[in-house]
N, C-alpha and C. Protein backbone atom coordinates (compact mmCIF):
# COMPACT_ATOMS: atom_id res chain seq x y z
N MET A 1 0.86 -1.19 0.00
CA MET A 1 0.00 0.00 0.00
C MET A 1 0.90 1.24 0.00
N ILE A 2 0.87 1.99 -1.05
CA ILE A 2 1.77 3.11 -1.21
C ILE A 2 1.36 4.27 -0.29
N THR A 3 2.35 4.94 0.29
CA THR A 3 2.09 6.08 1.16
C THR A 3 2.17 7.37 0.34
N PRO A 4 1.61 8.47 0.86
CA PRO A 4 1.75 9.75 0.14
C PRO A 4 3.20 10.14 -0.09
N GLY A 5 4.05 9.92 0.90
CA GLY A 5 5.46 10.27 0.73
C GLY A 5 6.13 9.47 -0.36
N GLU A 6 5.84 8.17 -0.41
CA GLU A 6 6.43 7.32 -1.45
C GLU A 6 5.95 7.75 -2.83
N TYR A 7 4.67 8.10 -2.92
CA TYR A 7 4.13 8.52 -4.21
C TYR A 7 4.77 9.83 -4.66
N LEU A 8 4.94 10.77 -3.75
CA LEU A 8 5.57 12.03 -4.11
C LEU A 8 7.03 11.83 -4.52
N ASP A 9 7.71 10.88 -3.90
CA ASP A 9 9.10 10.58 -4.30
C ASP A 9 9.15 10.14 -5.76
N VAL A 10 8.16 9.31 -6.17
CA VAL A 10 8.12 8.85 -7.56
C VAL A 10 7.89 10.04 -8.49
N LEU A 11 6.92 10.89 -8.14
CA LEU A 11 6.61 12.04 -8.99
C LEU A 11 7.80 13.01 -9.08
N ASP A 12 8.43 13.28 -7.95
CA ASP A 12 9.53 14.23 -7.95
C ASP A 12 10.71 13.73 -8.77
N ALA A 13 10.91 12.40 -8.78
CA ALA A 13 12.01 11.85 -9.57
C ALA A 13 11.74 11.99 -11.07
N ARG A 14 10.46 11.89 -11.46
CA ARG A 14 10.10 11.98 -12.88
C ARG A 14 9.78 13.39 -13.33
N LEU A 15 9.25 14.20 -12.40
CA LEU A 15 8.79 15.56 -12.74
C LEU A 15 9.37 16.56 -11.74
N PRO A 16 10.68 16.70 -11.70
CA PRO A 16 11.29 17.55 -10.66
C PRO A 16 10.77 18.98 -10.70
N GLY A 17 10.31 19.44 -9.55
CA GLY A 17 9.88 20.82 -9.40
C GLY A 17 8.48 21.13 -9.86
N LEU A 18 7.78 20.18 -10.48
CA LEU A 18 6.46 20.47 -11.05
C LEU A 18 5.32 20.25 -10.07
N VAL A 19 5.51 19.35 -9.09
CA VAL A 19 4.42 19.03 -8.16
C VAL A 19 4.45 20.04 -7.02
N VAL A 20 3.49 20.99 -7.07
CA VAL A 20 3.47 22.05 -6.07
C VAL A 20 2.39 21.84 -5.01
N GLY A 21 1.51 20.89 -5.24
CA GLY A 21 0.47 20.60 -4.26
C GLY A 21 0.07 19.15 -4.31
N ALA A 22 -0.23 18.57 -3.14
CA ALA A 22 -0.70 17.19 -3.06
C ALA A 22 -1.67 17.09 -1.90
N HIS A 23 -2.86 16.55 -2.17
CA HIS A 23 -3.94 16.57 -1.19
C HIS A 23 -4.63 15.20 -1.19
N VAL A 24 -4.61 14.54 -0.05
CA VAL A 24 -5.14 13.19 0.10
C VAL A 24 -6.59 13.25 0.56
N TYR A 25 -7.42 12.36 0.01
CA TYR A 25 -8.82 12.26 0.42
C TYR A 25 -9.20 10.78 0.42
N GLY A 26 -10.47 10.47 0.53
CA GLY A 26 -10.91 9.07 0.45
C GLY A 26 -10.64 8.29 1.73
N SER A 27 -10.39 6.99 1.56
CA SER A 27 -10.31 6.08 2.71
C SER A 27 -9.20 6.47 3.68
N ARG A 28 -8.11 7.10 3.18
CA ARG A 28 -7.00 7.45 4.07
C ARG A 28 -7.39 8.51 5.09
N VAL A 29 -8.35 9.37 4.76
CA VAL A 29 -8.75 10.42 5.69
C VAL A 29 -10.12 10.14 6.32
N LEU A 30 -10.81 9.10 5.86
CA LEU A 30 -12.12 8.75 6.39
C LEU A 30 -12.07 7.54 7.31
N ASP A 31 -10.87 7.17 7.73
CA ASP A 31 -10.67 6.05 8.66
C ASP A 31 -11.28 4.77 8.13
N ASP A 32 -11.01 4.47 6.86
CA ASP A 32 -11.60 3.28 6.25
C ASP A 32 -10.60 2.56 5.35
N VAL A 33 -9.34 2.59 5.72
CA VAL A 33 -8.34 1.89 4.94
C VAL A 33 -8.49 0.39 5.16
N VAL A 34 -8.62 -0.35 4.08
CA VAL A 34 -8.71 -1.80 4.13
C VAL A 34 -7.71 -2.37 3.13
N ASP A 35 -7.57 -3.68 3.14
CA ASP A 35 -6.66 -4.32 2.21
C ASP A 35 -7.06 -3.97 0.77
N GLY A 36 -6.11 -3.44 0.01
CA GLY A 36 -6.40 -3.06 -1.36
C GLY A 36 -6.85 -1.63 -1.55
N SER A 37 -6.95 -0.85 -0.47
CA SER A 37 -7.35 0.55 -0.61
C SER A 37 -6.32 1.32 -1.43
N ASP A 38 -6.82 2.14 -2.35
CA ASP A 38 -5.95 3.02 -3.12
C ASP A 38 -5.58 4.25 -2.31
N LEU A 39 -4.52 4.90 -2.76
CA LEU A 39 -4.20 6.24 -2.30
C LEU A 39 -4.95 7.21 -3.21
N ASP A 40 -5.97 7.88 -2.67
CA ASP A 40 -6.74 8.86 -3.43
C ASP A 40 -6.09 10.22 -3.22
N VAL A 41 -5.66 10.86 -4.31
CA VAL A 41 -4.89 12.09 -4.16
C VAL A 41 -5.14 13.03 -5.33
N VAL A 42 -5.18 14.32 -5.01
CA VAL A 42 -5.23 15.36 -6.04
C VAL A 42 -3.86 16.02 -6.09
N ILE A 43 -3.31 16.10 -7.28
CA ILE A 43 -1.99 16.68 -7.50
C ILE A 43 -2.14 18.00 -8.25
N GLU A 44 -1.45 19.03 -7.76
CA GLU A 44 -1.38 20.31 -8.46
C GLU A 44 -0.02 20.42 -9.16
N LEU A 45 -0.05 20.74 -10.45
CA LEU A 45 1.18 20.89 -11.23
C LEU A 45 1.37 22.35 -11.64
N SER A 46 2.62 22.78 -11.60
CA SER A 46 2.93 24.15 -12.03
C SER A 46 2.95 24.28 -13.54
N ALA A 47 3.03 23.16 -14.25
CA ALA A 47 2.96 23.14 -15.72
C ALA A 47 2.39 21.80 -16.14
N ALA A 48 1.68 21.78 -17.25
CA ALA A 48 1.05 20.54 -17.70
C ALA A 48 2.09 19.48 -17.98
N ALA A 49 1.84 18.27 -17.50
CA ALA A 49 2.74 17.14 -17.71
C ALA A 49 1.95 15.86 -17.47
N GLU A 50 2.44 14.78 -18.03
CA GLU A 50 1.79 13.47 -17.82
C GLU A 50 2.45 12.77 -16.64
N LEU A 51 1.64 12.40 -15.66
CA LEU A 51 2.17 11.72 -14.50
C LEU A 51 2.42 10.25 -14.80
N PRO A 52 3.46 9.67 -14.21
CA PRO A 52 3.67 8.24 -14.37
C PRO A 52 2.57 7.45 -13.68
N SER A 53 2.20 6.33 -14.26
CA SER A 53 1.20 5.46 -13.65
C SER A 53 1.84 4.70 -12.49
N VAL A 54 1.20 4.72 -11.35
CA VAL A 54 1.72 4.06 -10.15
C VAL A 54 0.61 3.18 -9.58
N ASP A 55 0.90 1.89 -9.42
CA ASP A 55 -0.08 0.97 -8.84
C ASP A 55 -0.50 1.44 -7.45
N GLY A 56 -1.80 1.41 -7.21
CA GLY A 56 -2.31 1.76 -5.89
C GLY A 56 -2.57 3.24 -5.70
N ALA A 57 -2.39 4.04 -6.75
CA ALA A 57 -2.67 5.47 -6.65
C ALA A 57 -3.79 5.84 -7.61
N ASP A 58 -4.83 6.47 -7.08
CA ASP A 58 -5.96 6.96 -7.89
C ASP A 58 -5.85 8.48 -7.87
N VAL A 59 -5.52 9.07 -9.02
CA VAL A 59 -5.03 10.45 -9.03
C VAL A 59 -5.89 11.33 -9.92
N ALA A 60 -6.19 12.53 -9.42
CA ALA A 60 -6.71 13.61 -10.25
C ALA A 60 -5.63 14.69 -10.30
N VAL A 61 -5.44 15.27 -11.48
CA VAL A 61 -4.38 16.26 -11.66
C VAL A 61 -5.00 17.55 -12.15
N VAL A 62 -4.61 18.66 -11.50
CA VAL A 62 -5.14 19.97 -11.87
C VAL A 62 -3.99 20.97 -11.94
N PRO A 63 -4.16 22.04 -12.71
CA PRO A 63 -3.16 23.10 -12.71
C PRO A 63 -3.08 23.76 -11.33
N ALA A 64 -1.90 24.22 -10.96
CA ALA A 64 -1.73 24.91 -9.68
C ALA A 64 -2.72 26.06 -9.57
N GLY A 65 -3.31 26.21 -8.39
CA GLY A 65 -4.28 27.26 -8.15
C GLY A 65 -5.71 26.87 -8.42
N SER A 66 -5.94 25.71 -9.02
CA SER A 66 -7.30 25.29 -9.36
C SER A 66 -8.17 25.07 -8.14
N LEU A 67 -7.56 24.71 -7.02
CA LEU A 67 -8.35 24.37 -5.85
C LEU A 67 -8.85 25.61 -5.10
N GLU A 68 -8.55 26.78 -5.64
CA GLU A 68 -9.12 28.02 -5.10
C GLU A 68 -10.31 28.48 -5.94
N LYS A 69 -10.74 27.65 -6.89
CA LYS A 69 -11.85 28.00 -7.77
C LYS A 69 -13.00 27.00 -7.57
N PRO A 70 -14.23 27.40 -7.92
CA PRO A 70 -15.31 26.41 -7.94
C PRO A 70 -14.98 25.26 -8.89
N VAL A 71 -15.42 24.07 -8.55
CA VAL A 71 -15.08 22.89 -9.34
C VAL A 71 -15.55 23.02 -10.79
N PHE A 72 -16.67 23.73 -11.01
CA PHE A 72 -17.21 23.87 -12.36
C PHE A 72 -16.35 24.77 -13.25
N ASP A 73 -15.42 25.51 -12.64
CA ASP A 73 -14.55 26.40 -13.40
C ASP A 73 -13.18 25.79 -13.68
N VAL A 74 -13.00 24.52 -13.33
CA VAL A 74 -11.70 23.86 -13.44
C VAL A 74 -11.77 22.74 -14.47
N THR A 75 -10.80 22.70 -15.36
CA THR A 75 -10.64 21.58 -16.29
C THR A 75 -9.45 20.75 -15.83
N PRO A 76 -9.68 19.51 -15.38
CA PRO A 76 -8.55 18.72 -14.88
C PRO A 76 -7.60 18.33 -16.00
N LEU A 77 -6.34 18.15 -15.65
CA LEU A 77 -5.36 17.62 -16.59
C LEU A 77 -5.47 16.11 -16.71
N ALA A 78 -5.97 15.47 -15.66
CA ALA A 78 -6.20 14.02 -15.67
C ALA A 78 -7.14 13.69 -14.53
N GLY A 79 -7.90 12.60 -14.68
CA GLY A 79 -8.80 12.18 -13.63
C GLY A 79 -10.09 12.96 -13.62
N GLU A 80 -10.90 12.68 -12.60
CA GLU A 80 -12.23 13.28 -12.48
C GLU A 80 -12.30 14.15 -11.25
N ILE A 81 -12.96 15.31 -11.37
CA ILE A 81 -13.20 16.16 -10.22
C ILE A 81 -14.69 16.42 -10.12
N THR A 82 -15.20 16.50 -8.89
CA THR A 82 -16.63 16.64 -8.64
C THR A 82 -16.85 17.55 -7.44
N PRO A 83 -18.08 18.03 -7.25
CA PRO A 83 -18.39 18.79 -6.03
C PRO A 83 -18.14 17.99 -4.76
N VAL A 84 -18.34 16.68 -4.80
CA VAL A 84 -18.08 15.84 -3.63
C VAL A 84 -16.58 15.83 -3.31
N LEU A 85 -15.75 15.72 -4.32
CA LEU A 85 -14.31 15.78 -4.11
C LEU A 85 -13.92 17.11 -3.49
N TRP A 86 -14.45 18.20 -4.05
CA TRP A 86 -14.12 19.53 -3.53
C TRP A 86 -14.50 19.63 -2.04
N GLN A 87 -15.67 19.09 -1.68
CA GLN A 87 -16.08 19.16 -0.27
C GLN A 87 -15.14 18.34 0.61
N GLN A 88 -14.74 17.16 0.13
CA GLN A 88 -13.80 16.37 0.93
C GLN A 88 -12.51 17.13 1.17
N LEU A 89 -11.96 17.72 0.12
CA LEU A 89 -10.71 18.45 0.27
C LEU A 89 -10.88 19.64 1.21
N ARG A 90 -12.04 20.27 1.14
CA ARG A 90 -12.30 21.45 1.96
C ARG A 90 -12.49 21.10 3.43
N THR A 91 -13.00 19.90 3.71
CA THR A 91 -13.40 19.58 5.09
C THR A 91 -12.47 18.57 5.77
N VAL A 92 -12.19 17.45 5.12
CA VAL A 92 -11.42 16.39 5.79
C VAL A 92 -10.14 16.03 5.06
N GLY A 93 -9.89 16.63 3.90
CA GLY A 93 -8.70 16.30 3.14
C GLY A 93 -7.42 16.61 3.91
N GLN A 94 -6.36 15.88 3.58
CA GLN A 94 -5.06 16.07 4.21
C GLN A 94 -4.08 16.63 3.17
N THR A 95 -3.59 17.81 3.40
CA THR A 95 -2.61 18.42 2.50
C THR A 95 -1.22 17.96 2.89
N VAL A 96 -0.52 17.29 1.99
CA VAL A 96 0.83 16.80 2.28
C VAL A 96 1.90 17.60 1.55
N ARG A 97 1.47 18.48 0.66
CA ARG A 97 2.39 19.44 0.03
C ARG A 97 1.58 20.66 -0.41
N GLY A 98 2.15 21.83 -0.21
CA GLY A 98 1.50 23.06 -0.63
C GLY A 98 0.57 23.61 0.43
N ALA A 99 -0.23 24.60 0.05
CA ALA A 99 -1.17 25.24 0.97
C ALA A 99 -2.49 24.48 1.01
N ARG A 100 -3.11 24.48 2.17
CA ARG A 100 -4.42 23.84 2.28
C ARG A 100 -5.41 24.59 1.39
N PRO A 101 -6.16 23.89 0.53
CA PRO A 101 -7.03 24.57 -0.44
C PRO A 101 -8.35 25.00 0.16
N THR A 102 -8.96 26.00 -0.46
CA THR A 102 -10.29 26.43 -0.02
C THR A 102 -11.40 25.68 -0.72
N CYS A 103 -11.18 25.25 -1.96
CA CYS A 103 -12.16 24.46 -2.71
C CYS A 103 -13.59 25.00 -2.52
N PRO A 104 -13.87 26.21 -3.00
CA PRO A 104 -15.19 26.81 -2.77
C PRO A 104 -16.31 25.99 -3.42
N GLY A 105 -17.42 25.92 -2.72
CA GLY A 105 -18.58 25.19 -3.23
C GLY A 105 -19.71 25.31 -2.23
N THR A 106 -20.86 24.79 -2.62
CA THR A 106 -22.04 24.89 -1.76
C THR A 106 -22.61 23.51 -1.47
N ALA A 107 -23.37 23.44 -0.39
CA ALA A 107 -24.07 22.20 -0.05
C ALA A 107 -25.04 21.81 -1.16
N ALA A 108 -25.65 22.81 -1.79
CA ALA A 108 -26.60 22.53 -2.87
C ALA A 108 -25.90 21.86 -4.06
N ASP A 109 -24.67 22.29 -4.37
CA ASP A 109 -23.92 21.66 -5.45
C ASP A 109 -23.65 20.19 -5.15
N VAL A 110 -23.28 19.92 -3.90
CA VAL A 110 -22.96 18.54 -3.50
C VAL A 110 -24.21 17.68 -3.57
N GLU A 111 -25.31 18.17 -3.03
CA GLU A 111 -26.54 17.39 -3.06
C GLU A 111 -27.01 17.13 -4.48
N ALA A 112 -26.95 18.15 -5.32
CA ALA A 112 -27.39 17.98 -6.71
C ALA A 112 -26.53 16.95 -7.43
N TYR A 113 -25.22 16.98 -7.19
CA TYR A 113 -24.34 15.98 -7.82
C TYR A 113 -24.72 14.57 -7.36
N CYS A 114 -24.94 14.40 -6.06
CA CYS A 114 -25.26 13.07 -5.54
C CYS A 114 -26.59 12.56 -6.10
N ARG A 115 -27.58 13.42 -6.16
CA ARG A 115 -28.87 13.00 -6.71
C ARG A 115 -28.74 12.61 -8.18
N ASP A 116 -28.01 13.40 -8.93
CA ASP A 116 -27.84 13.09 -10.34
C ASP A 116 -27.06 11.79 -10.52
N ASN A 117 -26.04 11.57 -9.71
CA ASN A 117 -25.21 10.37 -9.82
C ASN A 117 -26.02 9.10 -9.52
N LEU A 118 -26.93 9.20 -8.57
CA LEU A 118 -27.78 8.04 -8.27
C LEU A 118 -28.54 7.57 -9.51
N VAL A 119 -29.02 8.53 -10.30
CA VAL A 119 -29.85 8.20 -11.46
C VAL A 119 -29.01 7.96 -12.71
N SER A 120 -28.07 8.87 -12.99
CA SER A 120 -27.33 8.80 -14.25
C SER A 120 -26.28 7.70 -14.26
N TYR A 121 -25.82 7.28 -13.10
CA TYR A 121 -24.79 6.23 -13.04
C TYR A 121 -25.33 4.95 -12.41
N TRP A 122 -25.74 5.03 -11.15
CA TRP A 122 -26.09 3.81 -10.43
C TRP A 122 -27.37 3.16 -10.95
N LYS A 123 -28.38 3.94 -11.26
CA LYS A 123 -29.65 3.34 -11.69
C LYS A 123 -29.48 2.54 -12.97
N LEU A 124 -28.63 3.00 -13.87
CA LEU A 124 -28.41 2.26 -15.12
C LEU A 124 -27.84 0.88 -14.84
N ASP A 125 -26.85 0.81 -13.93
CA ASP A 125 -26.26 -0.48 -13.60
C ASP A 125 -27.28 -1.40 -12.92
N PHE A 126 -28.02 -0.86 -11.99
CA PHE A 126 -28.98 -1.70 -11.27
C PHE A 126 -30.13 -2.14 -12.17
N ASP A 127 -30.54 -1.30 -13.10
CA ASP A 127 -31.59 -1.72 -14.03
C ASP A 127 -31.13 -2.87 -14.91
N ARG A 128 -29.86 -2.84 -15.31
CA ARG A 128 -29.32 -3.97 -16.10
C ARG A 128 -29.29 -5.24 -15.26
N PHE A 129 -28.88 -5.11 -14.01
CA PHE A 129 -28.86 -6.29 -13.13
C PHE A 129 -30.27 -6.81 -12.88
N ARG A 130 -31.23 -5.90 -12.76
CA ARG A 130 -32.63 -6.29 -12.52
C ARG A 130 -33.14 -7.20 -13.64
N GLU A 131 -32.68 -6.94 -14.87
CA GLU A 131 -33.14 -7.72 -16.00
C GLU A 131 -32.62 -9.16 -15.98
N VAL A 132 -31.38 -9.34 -15.51
CA VAL A 132 -30.79 -10.70 -15.54
C VAL A 132 -31.03 -11.46 -14.24
N LEU A 133 -31.44 -10.77 -13.18
CA LEU A 133 -31.56 -11.42 -11.87
C LEU A 133 -32.44 -12.66 -11.88
N PRO A 134 -33.61 -12.68 -12.57
CA PRO A 134 -34.44 -13.89 -12.52
C PRO A 134 -33.75 -15.14 -13.04
N SER A 135 -32.73 -14.99 -13.86
CA SER A 135 -32.04 -16.16 -14.42
C SER A 135 -30.90 -16.65 -13.55
N LEU A 136 -30.63 -15.99 -12.43
CA LEU A 136 -29.47 -16.31 -11.60
C LEU A 136 -29.86 -17.16 -10.40
N ASP A 137 -28.90 -17.97 -9.94
CA ASP A 137 -29.05 -18.77 -8.73
C ASP A 137 -28.66 -17.91 -7.53
N LEU A 138 -29.59 -17.65 -6.63
CA LEU A 138 -29.31 -16.76 -5.50
C LEU A 138 -28.20 -17.29 -4.60
N ALA A 139 -27.96 -18.60 -4.63
CA ALA A 139 -26.92 -19.19 -3.78
C ALA A 139 -25.55 -19.18 -4.43
N ALA A 140 -25.47 -18.77 -5.68
CA ALA A 140 -24.19 -18.79 -6.39
C ALA A 140 -23.26 -17.71 -5.85
N PRO A 141 -21.96 -18.01 -5.74
CA PRO A 141 -21.01 -16.98 -5.30
C PRO A 141 -20.90 -15.86 -6.32
N ILE A 142 -20.45 -14.69 -5.87
CA ILE A 142 -20.36 -13.52 -6.73
C ILE A 142 -19.04 -12.82 -6.43
N PRO A 143 -18.40 -12.20 -7.43
CA PRO A 143 -17.11 -11.53 -7.19
C PRO A 143 -17.23 -10.47 -6.09
N ARG A 144 -16.32 -10.52 -5.15
CA ARG A 144 -16.38 -9.66 -3.96
C ARG A 144 -16.25 -8.18 -4.29
N GLU A 145 -15.23 -7.81 -5.06
CA GLU A 145 -14.95 -6.39 -5.26
C GLU A 145 -16.10 -5.67 -5.95
N SER A 146 -16.65 -6.30 -7.00
CA SER A 146 -17.74 -5.64 -7.72
C SER A 146 -18.98 -5.52 -6.84
N LEU A 147 -19.24 -6.53 -6.00
CA LEU A 147 -20.41 -6.48 -5.13
C LEU A 147 -20.24 -5.39 -4.07
N LEU A 148 -19.06 -5.27 -3.48
CA LEU A 148 -18.86 -4.24 -2.46
C LEU A 148 -19.01 -2.84 -3.06
N TRP A 149 -18.57 -2.69 -4.31
CA TRP A 149 -18.70 -1.39 -4.98
C TRP A 149 -20.16 -1.00 -5.13
N VAL A 150 -20.97 -1.91 -5.69
CA VAL A 150 -22.38 -1.56 -5.94
C VAL A 150 -23.21 -1.61 -4.67
N GLY A 151 -22.78 -2.42 -3.71
CA GLY A 151 -23.56 -2.56 -2.49
C GLY A 151 -23.42 -1.39 -1.54
N LEU A 152 -22.24 -0.76 -1.52
CA LEU A 152 -21.98 0.30 -0.55
C LEU A 152 -21.93 1.69 -1.16
N GLY A 153 -21.67 1.79 -2.46
CA GLY A 153 -21.56 3.10 -3.09
C GLY A 153 -22.80 3.96 -2.98
N PRO A 154 -23.98 3.46 -3.36
CA PRO A 154 -25.18 4.29 -3.26
C PRO A 154 -25.50 4.74 -1.84
N ALA A 155 -25.13 3.93 -0.85
CA ALA A 155 -25.40 4.30 0.54
C ALA A 155 -24.64 5.56 0.94
N ARG A 156 -23.46 5.76 0.38
CA ARG A 156 -22.71 6.99 0.67
C ARG A 156 -23.46 8.20 0.13
N LEU A 157 -23.98 8.09 -1.09
CA LEU A 157 -24.73 9.20 -1.67
C LEU A 157 -25.99 9.47 -0.87
N TRP A 158 -26.67 8.42 -0.46
CA TRP A 158 -27.89 8.55 0.35
C TRP A 158 -27.61 9.37 1.60
N HIS A 159 -26.53 9.05 2.30
CA HIS A 159 -26.22 9.77 3.54
C HIS A 159 -25.87 11.23 3.25
N THR A 160 -25.11 11.47 2.19
CA THR A 160 -24.73 12.84 1.88
C THR A 160 -25.94 13.68 1.48
N ILE A 161 -26.86 13.10 0.72
CA ILE A 161 -28.07 13.82 0.34
C ILE A 161 -28.87 14.21 1.58
N ARG A 162 -28.94 13.31 2.54
CA ARG A 162 -29.75 13.55 3.73
C ARG A 162 -29.09 14.51 4.72
N THR A 163 -27.76 14.47 4.81
CA THR A 163 -27.08 15.19 5.89
C THR A 163 -26.05 16.20 5.42
N GLY A 164 -25.58 16.06 4.18
CA GLY A 164 -24.49 16.90 3.70
C GLY A 164 -23.12 16.36 4.06
N GLU A 165 -23.06 15.32 4.89
CA GLU A 165 -21.78 14.76 5.36
C GLU A 165 -21.27 13.72 4.37
N ILE A 166 -19.95 13.69 4.16
CA ILE A 166 -19.32 12.67 3.33
C ILE A 166 -18.65 11.66 4.24
N ILE A 167 -19.02 10.41 4.08
CA ILE A 167 -18.52 9.35 4.95
C ILE A 167 -17.93 8.21 4.11
N SER A 168 -17.32 7.27 4.80
CA SER A 168 -16.68 6.14 4.13
C SER A 168 -17.71 5.12 3.68
N LYS A 169 -17.26 4.19 2.83
CA LYS A 169 -18.13 3.10 2.39
C LYS A 169 -18.58 2.25 3.57
N SER A 170 -17.65 1.94 4.46
CA SER A 170 -18.00 1.08 5.59
C SER A 170 -19.03 1.74 6.49
N ARG A 171 -18.82 3.00 6.81
CA ARG A 171 -19.77 3.71 7.68
C ARG A 171 -21.13 3.84 6.98
N ALA A 172 -21.13 4.09 5.68
CA ALA A 172 -22.38 4.18 4.95
C ALA A 172 -23.14 2.86 5.02
N GLY A 173 -22.42 1.75 4.91
CA GLY A 173 -23.06 0.45 5.02
C GLY A 173 -23.67 0.23 6.39
N GLU A 174 -22.95 0.65 7.44
CA GLU A 174 -23.49 0.51 8.79
C GLU A 174 -24.78 1.32 8.97
N LEU A 175 -24.79 2.52 8.46
CA LEU A 175 -25.97 3.38 8.61
C LEU A 175 -27.15 2.84 7.79
N ALA A 176 -26.86 2.34 6.59
CA ALA A 176 -27.94 1.76 5.78
C ALA A 176 -28.49 0.50 6.43
N ALA A 177 -27.61 -0.30 7.04
CA ALA A 177 -28.06 -1.51 7.72
C ALA A 177 -28.93 -1.16 8.93
N ALA A 178 -28.60 -0.08 9.61
CA ALA A 178 -29.42 0.34 10.75
C ALA A 178 -30.79 0.83 10.29
N ARG A 179 -30.82 1.46 9.13
CA ARG A 179 -32.09 1.96 8.60
C ARG A 179 -32.95 0.84 8.05
N TRP A 180 -32.31 -0.16 7.40
CA TRP A 180 -33.04 -1.28 6.80
C TRP A 180 -32.43 -2.60 7.29
N PRO A 181 -32.70 -2.97 8.54
CA PRO A 181 -32.04 -4.14 9.15
C PRO A 181 -32.43 -5.47 8.55
N ASP A 182 -33.47 -5.51 7.73
CA ASP A 182 -33.84 -6.78 7.11
C ASP A 182 -32.92 -7.16 5.97
N LEU A 183 -32.08 -6.23 5.49
CA LEU A 183 -31.16 -6.51 4.40
C LEU A 183 -29.78 -6.86 4.97
N PRO A 184 -29.07 -7.83 4.36
CA PRO A 184 -27.78 -8.28 4.91
C PRO A 184 -26.61 -7.37 4.53
N ILE A 185 -26.78 -6.08 4.76
CA ILE A 185 -25.74 -5.13 4.35
C ILE A 185 -24.50 -5.23 5.23
N LEU A 186 -24.69 -5.62 6.49
CA LEU A 186 -23.53 -5.75 7.37
C LEU A 186 -22.58 -6.85 6.90
N ASP A 187 -23.08 -7.83 6.13
CA ASP A 187 -22.18 -8.83 5.54
C ASP A 187 -21.18 -8.15 4.60
N LEU A 188 -21.65 -7.15 3.84
CA LEU A 188 -20.77 -6.44 2.92
C LEU A 188 -19.74 -5.63 3.70
N VAL A 189 -20.18 -4.98 4.77
CA VAL A 189 -19.24 -4.21 5.60
C VAL A 189 -18.17 -5.12 6.19
N ALA A 190 -18.60 -6.26 6.71
CA ALA A 190 -17.65 -7.20 7.30
C ALA A 190 -16.67 -7.71 6.26
N SER A 191 -17.16 -8.02 5.07
CA SER A 191 -16.28 -8.49 4.00
C SER A 191 -15.28 -7.42 3.61
N ARG A 192 -15.74 -6.18 3.52
CA ARG A 192 -14.84 -5.08 3.19
C ARG A 192 -13.72 -4.97 4.21
N ARG A 193 -14.03 -5.22 5.45
CA ARG A 193 -13.04 -5.09 6.52
C ARG A 193 -12.20 -6.34 6.71
N GLY A 194 -12.39 -7.32 5.82
CA GLY A 194 -11.50 -8.48 5.81
C GLY A 194 -12.06 -9.76 6.35
N ALA A 195 -13.31 -9.78 6.81
CA ALA A 195 -13.91 -11.00 7.33
C ALA A 195 -14.19 -11.98 6.18
N ASP A 196 -14.12 -13.25 6.50
CA ASP A 196 -14.36 -14.30 5.50
C ASP A 196 -15.87 -14.57 5.43
N VAL A 197 -16.58 -13.69 4.74
CA VAL A 197 -18.03 -13.81 4.62
C VAL A 197 -18.35 -14.25 3.20
N PRO A 198 -18.95 -15.42 3.00
CA PRO A 198 -19.32 -15.83 1.65
C PRO A 198 -20.37 -14.88 1.07
N LEU A 199 -20.07 -14.32 -0.08
CA LEU A 199 -20.99 -13.39 -0.73
C LEU A 199 -21.60 -14.07 -1.95
N THR A 200 -22.91 -13.93 -2.09
CA THR A 200 -23.64 -14.65 -3.13
C THR A 200 -24.52 -13.69 -3.92
N VAL A 201 -25.18 -14.25 -4.91
CA VAL A 201 -26.12 -13.46 -5.71
C VAL A 201 -27.23 -12.90 -4.81
N ALA A 202 -27.55 -13.60 -3.72
CA ALA A 202 -28.55 -13.09 -2.79
C ALA A 202 -28.12 -11.74 -2.20
N HIS A 203 -26.83 -11.58 -1.98
CA HIS A 203 -26.33 -10.29 -1.50
C HIS A 203 -26.45 -9.23 -2.59
N ALA A 204 -26.24 -9.63 -3.82
CA ALA A 204 -26.42 -8.68 -4.92
C ALA A 204 -27.88 -8.26 -5.03
N LYS A 205 -28.78 -9.21 -4.83
CA LYS A 205 -30.21 -8.87 -4.84
C LYS A 205 -30.53 -7.90 -3.70
N ALA A 206 -29.92 -8.12 -2.55
CA ALA A 206 -30.12 -7.21 -1.42
C ALA A 206 -29.59 -5.82 -1.74
N SER A 207 -28.49 -5.76 -2.49
CA SER A 207 -27.94 -4.46 -2.90
C SER A 207 -28.90 -3.74 -3.83
N LEU A 208 -29.56 -4.50 -4.72
CA LEU A 208 -30.59 -3.93 -5.58
C LEU A 208 -31.77 -3.43 -4.75
N ASP A 209 -32.20 -4.23 -3.78
CA ASP A 209 -33.30 -3.81 -2.91
C ASP A 209 -32.91 -2.54 -2.15
N LEU A 210 -31.67 -2.49 -1.68
CA LEU A 210 -31.20 -1.31 -0.96
C LEU A 210 -31.22 -0.08 -1.86
N PHE A 211 -30.75 -0.25 -3.09
CA PHE A 211 -30.76 0.88 -4.00
C PHE A 211 -32.18 1.39 -4.24
N ASP A 212 -33.12 0.48 -4.45
CA ASP A 212 -34.51 0.90 -4.68
C ASP A 212 -35.06 1.67 -3.48
N ARG A 213 -34.70 1.21 -2.27
CA ARG A 213 -35.18 1.90 -1.07
C ARG A 213 -34.52 3.27 -0.92
N ILE A 214 -33.24 3.34 -1.25
CA ILE A 214 -32.53 4.62 -1.19
C ILE A 214 -33.15 5.61 -2.16
N LEU A 215 -33.41 5.17 -3.39
CA LEU A 215 -33.98 6.05 -4.38
C LEU A 215 -35.36 6.54 -3.95
N ALA A 216 -36.15 5.64 -3.38
CA ALA A 216 -37.48 6.03 -2.90
C ALA A 216 -37.36 7.01 -1.74
N ASP A 217 -36.37 6.78 -0.86
CA ASP A 217 -36.20 7.62 0.32
C ASP A 217 -35.81 9.05 -0.05
N VAL A 218 -34.93 9.19 -1.02
CA VAL A 218 -34.44 10.54 -1.34
C VAL A 218 -35.34 11.27 -2.33
N THR A 219 -36.31 10.56 -2.90
CA THR A 219 -37.22 11.23 -3.84
C THR A 219 -38.63 11.36 -3.27
N SER A 220 -38.83 10.90 -2.04
CA SER A 220 -40.17 10.98 -1.43
C SER A 220 -40.44 12.39 -0.95
């Protein structure tokens, strides 16, 4: 698992003097590091350049000074930037090089992004799964990583829409399980944290049920 310091050493060796800002977000600052967690980081460059690919690093690259502007006014050099990212950097992000950014934005921008993402991204995937579900054996095993992604991702958006707070996947799963205890969401949380929990198509169906309930909850 690469550390911020190790990653900056790689960048500095390849791009001496260009990396003027580095800001960590995601699992490293949300107390949710698990086996296989990436280093989520935003890099500010003083001049446009292509960063070397480094295993275990999920990177967005912006021109220096971009983090003092609204996200809608910034064109990234690489990676994706969103109002949710800006809020993380503004509130819980860890600056490991450069000045701490202001990342201006509003709660309304964050909520609107989350609501749109539920429909434009997640609903499409779940609708496709809904079509094939009747042909699947509920007891059949299912790939862990893909299930944890779809099972816990929408719960994070649900919580942010309701409260404005950005939380980890694990915490989102715990809160969703408390809200809908009939669904086996805690199995996904336990698996994410390294427990040997057999995950099956039945868990995927529960993730679909959870998504439908989340969508109904935030649109009611």
